[in-house]
Amino acid sequence: MLLHDEAVVVGRHRVDGDTVRVETVTHEREQRVELDLAHERVEIEHVPVGRVVESVPEIRRDADVTIIPVVEEVLVVERRLVLKEEIHIRRIRGSVRHQETVMLRRQEAVVTRVSKAGETEND
């Protein structure tokens, strides 16, 4: 004989609460950047020599100049090597100060909570 019986019924229903709004705000600012830009140019100079040599001279360096010998065979009663000219290549390095204005951006999130009563508050 059952006198009392309890049962549980589980369910869900939607309950509206506060609303949260998230916005992003972008801030911009200018900033000047400055850096050195390196460059290099080459000067080529032909230097007449006109000297008789026994063999072809090797390419050599003299400080910052690379010297490339140019020879020519000249027919005389006998064959001789004559150093006709040398090519001197000099490297000239330099730098230039460069300035430029660039645009930088930063974002931040603004969170606003709107209650059911219509009141707003920032988080």
C-alpha atoms as a PDB file:
ATOM      1  CA  MET A   1       0.000   0.000   0.000  1.00  0.00           C
ATOM      2  CA  LEU A   2       1.588   3.260  -1.189  1.00  0.00           C
ATOM      3  CA  LEU A   3       0.701   6.341   0.746  1.00  0.00           C
ATOM      4  CA  HIS A   4       2.820   9.002  -0.897  1.00  0.00           C
ATOM      5  CA  ASP A   5       5.084   9.058  -3.950  1.00  0.00           C
ATOM      6  CA  GLU A   6       7.257  11.990  -5.071  1.00  0.00           C
ATOM      7  CA  ALA A   7       8.708  12.417  -8.540  1.00  0.00           C
ATOM      8  CA  VAL A   8      11.203  14.895  -9.914  1.00  0.00           C
ATOM      9  CA  VAL A   9      10.784  16.494 -13.318  1.00  0.00           C
ATOM     10  CA  VAL A  10      13.863  18.291 -14.684  1.00  0.00           C
ATOM     11  CA  GLY A  11      13.577  20.828 -17.447  1.00  0.00           C
ATOM     12  CA  ARG A  12      15.075  24.096 -18.629  1.00  0.00           C
ATOM     13  CA  HIS A  13      13.737  27.419 -19.634  1.00  0.00           C
ATOM     14  CA  ARG A  14      15.418  30.588 -20.774  1.00  0.00           C
ATOM     15  CA  VAL A  15      15.853  33.463 -18.350  1.00  0.00           C
ATOM     16  CA  ASP A  16      16.901  36.778 -19.799  1.00  0.00           C
ATOM     17  CA  GLY A  17      19.557  38.555 -17.748  1.00  0.00           C
ATOM     18  CA  ASP A  18      21.978  41.392 -18.364  1.00  0.00           C
ATOM     19  CA  THR A  19      23.350  41.958 -21.851  1.00  0.00           C
ATOM     20  CA  VAL A  20      27.034  42.499 -22.504  1.00  0.00           C
ATOM     21  CA  ARG A  21      28.251  44.526 -25.467  1.00  0.00           C
ATOM     22  CA  VAL A  22      31.942  44.362 -26.549  1.00  0.00           C
ATOM     23  CA  GLU A  23      33.390  46.968 -28.910  1.00  0.00           C
ATOM     24  CA  THR A  24      36.918  47.494 -30.117  1.00  0.00           C
ATOM     25  CA  VAL A  25      38.347  50.964 -30.347  1.00  0.00           C
ATOM     26  CA  THR A  26      41.388  51.625 -32.567  1.00  0.00           C
ATOM     27  CA  HIS A  27      43.736  54.440 -31.671  1.00  0.00           C
ATOM     28  CA  GLU A  28      46.272  55.732 -34.214  1.00  0.00           C
ATOM     29  CA  ARG A  29      49.429  57.702 -33.611  1.00  0.00           C
ATOM     30  CA  GLU A  30      52.283  58.769 -35.805  1.00  0.00           C
ATOM     31  CA  GLN A  31      55.816  57.824 -34.939  1.00  0.00           C
ATOM     32  CA  ARG A  32      59.004  58.821 -36.729  1.00  0.00           C
ATOM     33  CA  VAL A  33      61.474  56.018 -37.428  1.00  0.00           C
ATOM     34  CA  GLU A  34      65.082  56.752 -38.223  1.00  0.00           C
ATOM     35  CA  LEU A  35      67.717  54.325 -39.488  1.00  0.00           C
ATOM     36  CA  ASP A  36      70.944  54.225 -41.459  1.00  0.00           C
ATOM     37  CA  LEU A  37      70.714  52.898 -45.006  1.00  0.00           C
ATOM     38  CA  ALA A  38      74.055  51.568 -46.297  1.00  0.00           C
ATOM     39  CA  HIS A  39      75.076  51.841 -49.918  1.00  0.00           C
ATOM     40  CA  GLU A  40      78.143  51.006 -51.966  1.00  0.00           C
ATOM     41  CA  ARG A  41      79.365  52.196 -55.345  1.00  0.00           C
ATOM     42  CA  VAL A  42      82.366  51.184 -57.429  1.00  0.00           C
ATOM     43  CA  GLU A  43      84.828  53.433 -59.257  1.00  0.00           C
ATOM     44  CA  ILE A  44      86.754  51.918 -62.184  1.00  0.00           C
ATOM     45  CA  GLU A  45      89.974  53.581 -63.321  1.00  0.00           C
ATOM     46  CA  HIS A  46      92.140  52.473 -66.269  1.00  0.00           C
ATOM     47  CA  VAL A  47      95.814  53.064 -65.405  1.00  0.00           C
ATOM     48  CA  PRO A  48      98.207  52.855 -68.403  1.00  0.00           C
ATOM     49  CA  VAL A  49     101.446  50.971 -67.533  1.00  0.00           C
ATOM     50  CA  GLY A  50     103.321  49.999 -70.754  1.00  0.00           C
ATOM     51  CA  ARG A  51     105.944  47.847 -68.978  1.00  0.00           C
ATOM     52  CA  VAL A  52     107.449  44.590 -70.315  1.00  0.00           C
ATOM     53  CA  VAL A  53     106.792  41.644 -68.001  1.00  0.00           C
ATOM     54  CA  GLU A  54     107.966  38.013 -68.053  1.00  0.00           C
ATOM     55  CA  SER A  55     104.633  36.491 -66.987  1.00  0.00           C
ATOM     56  CA  VAL A  56     101.064  37.569 -66.412  1.00  0.00           C
ATOM     57  CA  PRO A  57     100.839  39.347 -63.016  1.00  0.00           C
ATOM     58  CA  GLU A  58      98.286  38.064 -60.547  1.00  0.00           C
ATOM     59  CA  ILE A  59      95.251  40.013 -59.461  1.00  0.00           C
ATOM     60  CA  ARG A  60      96.179  41.852 -56.276  1.00  0.00           C
ATOM     61  CA  ARG A  61      94.763  44.178 -53.640  1.00  0.00           C
ATOM     62  CA  ASP A  62      96.266  47.443 -52.491  1.00  0.00           C
ATOM     63  CA  ALA A  63      94.308  48.710 -49.444  1.00  0.00           C
ATOM     64  CA  ASP A  64      90.715  49.071 -50.712  1.00  0.00           C
ATOM     65  CA  VAL A  65      91.672  48.810 -54.418  1.00  0.00           C
ATOM     66  CA  THR A  66      91.555  45.569 -56.423  1.00  0.00           C
ATOM     67  CA  ILE A  67      94.087  45.635 -59.277  1.00  0.00           C
ATOM     68  CA  ILE A  68      93.453  43.456 -62.333  1.00  0.00           C
ATOM     69  CA  PRO A  69      96.375  43.337 -64.809  1.00  0.00           C
ATOM     70  CA  VAL A  70      95.621  43.423 -68.546  1.00  0.00           C
ATOM     71  CA  VAL A  71      98.397  42.058 -70.810  1.00  0.00           C
ATOM     72  CA  GLU A  72      98.930  42.059 -74.515  1.00  0.00           C
ATOM     73  CA  GLU A  73     101.332  40.036 -76.606  1.00  0.00           C
ATOM     74  CA  VAL A  74     103.415  42.222 -78.848  1.00  0.00           C
ATOM     75  CA  LEU A  75     105.386  40.703 -81.712  1.00  0.00           C
ATOM     76  CA  VAL A  76     108.898  42.026 -81.833  1.00  0.00           C
ATOM     77  CA  VAL A  77     111.936  40.086 -82.963  1.00  0.00           C
ATOM     78  CA  GLU A  78     111.030  38.073 -79.940  1.00  0.00           C
ATOM     79  CA  ARG A  79     107.736  37.682 -78.146  1.00  0.00           C
ATOM     80  CA  ARG A  80     107.324  39.661 -74.899  1.00  0.00           C
ATOM     81  CA  LEU A  81     104.547  40.309 -72.495  1.00  0.00           C
ATOM     82  CA  VAL A  82     103.853  43.997 -72.056  1.00  0.00           C
ATOM     83  CA  LEU A  83     101.719  45.070 -69.141  1.00  0.00           C
ATOM     84  CA  LYS A  84      99.391  47.315 -71.060  1.00  0.00           C
ATOM     85  CA  GLU A  85      97.254  48.636 -68.198  1.00  0.00           C
ATOM     86  CA  GLU A  86      95.830  47.796 -64.815  1.00  0.00           C
ATOM     87  CA  ILE A  87      92.230  48.141 -63.846  1.00  0.00           C
ATOM     88  CA  HIS A  88      91.872  49.577 -60.345  1.00  0.00           C
ATOM     89  CA  ILE A  89      88.524  48.926 -58.677  1.00  0.00           C
ATOM     90  CA  ARG A  90      87.862  50.896 -55.492  1.00  0.00           C
ATOM     91  CA  ARG A  91      84.891  50.328 -53.213  1.00  0.00           C
ATOM     92  CA  ILE A  92      83.437  53.406 -51.595  1.00  0.00           C
ATOM     93  CA  ARG A  93      81.059  52.791 -48.726  1.00  0.00           C
ATOM     94  CA  GLY A  94      78.697  55.309 -47.234  1.00  0.00           C
ATOM     95  CA  SER A  95      75.459  55.645 -45.360  1.00  0.00           C
ATOM     96  CA  VAL A  96      72.535  58.008 -45.445  1.00  0.00           C
ATOM     97  CA  ARG A  97      70.316  58.949 -42.494  1.00  0.00           C
ATOM     98  CA  HIS A  98      66.733  58.163 -43.455  1.00  0.00           C
ATOM     99  CA  GLN A  99      63.612  59.453 -41.693  1.00  0.00           C
ATOM    100  CA  GLU A 100      60.060  58.406 -42.329  1.00  0.00           C
ATOM    101  CA  THR A 101      56.775  58.830 -40.500  1.00  0.00           C
ATOM    102  CA  VAL A 102      54.777  55.648 -40.049  1.00  0.00           C
ATOM    103  CA  MET A 103      51.243  55.079 -38.685  1.00  0.00           C
ATOM    104  CA  LEU A 104      50.964  52.821 -35.623  1.00  0.00           C
ATOM    105  CA  ARG A 105      47.618  51.399 -34.432  1.00  0.00           C
ATOM    106  CA  ARG A 106      46.558  50.091 -31.024  1.00  0.00           C
ATOM    107  CA  GLN A 107      43.211  48.455 -30.223  1.00  0.00           C
ATOM    108  CA  GLU A 108      41.477  48.189 -26.895  1.00  0.00           C
ATOM    109  CA  ALA A 109      38.209  46.477 -25.942  1.00  0.00           C
ATOM    110  CA  VAL A 110      35.402  48.469 -24.313  1.00  0.00           C
ATOM    111  CA  VAL A 111      32.908  46.185 -22.548  1.00  0.00           C
ATOM    112  CA  THR A 112      29.537  47.681 -21.609  1.00  0.00           C
ATOM    113  CA  ARG A 113      27.030  45.726 -19.499  1.00  0.00           C
ATOM    114  CA  VAL A 114      23.369  46.668 -20.032  1.00  0.00           C
ATOM    115  CA  SER A 115      21.061  45.447 -17.246  1.00  0.00           C
ATOM    116  CA  LYS A 116      17.421  44.563 -17.733  1.00  0.00           C
ATOM    117  CA  ALA A 117      16.580  47.875 -16.097  1.00  0.00           C
ATOM    118  CA  GLY A 118      18.377  49.713 -18.910  1.00  0.00           C
ATOM    119  CA  GLU A 119      21.305  50.819 -16.773  1.00  0.00           C
ATOM    120  CA  THR A 120      24.747  50.628 -18.349  1.00  0.00           C
ATOM    121  CA  GLU A 121      28.085  50.130 -16.651  1.00  0.00           C
ATOM    122  CA  ASN A 122      31.574  49.690 -18.126  1.00  0.00           C
ATOM    123  CA  ASP A 123      33.829  46.766 -17.200  1.00  0.00           C
END
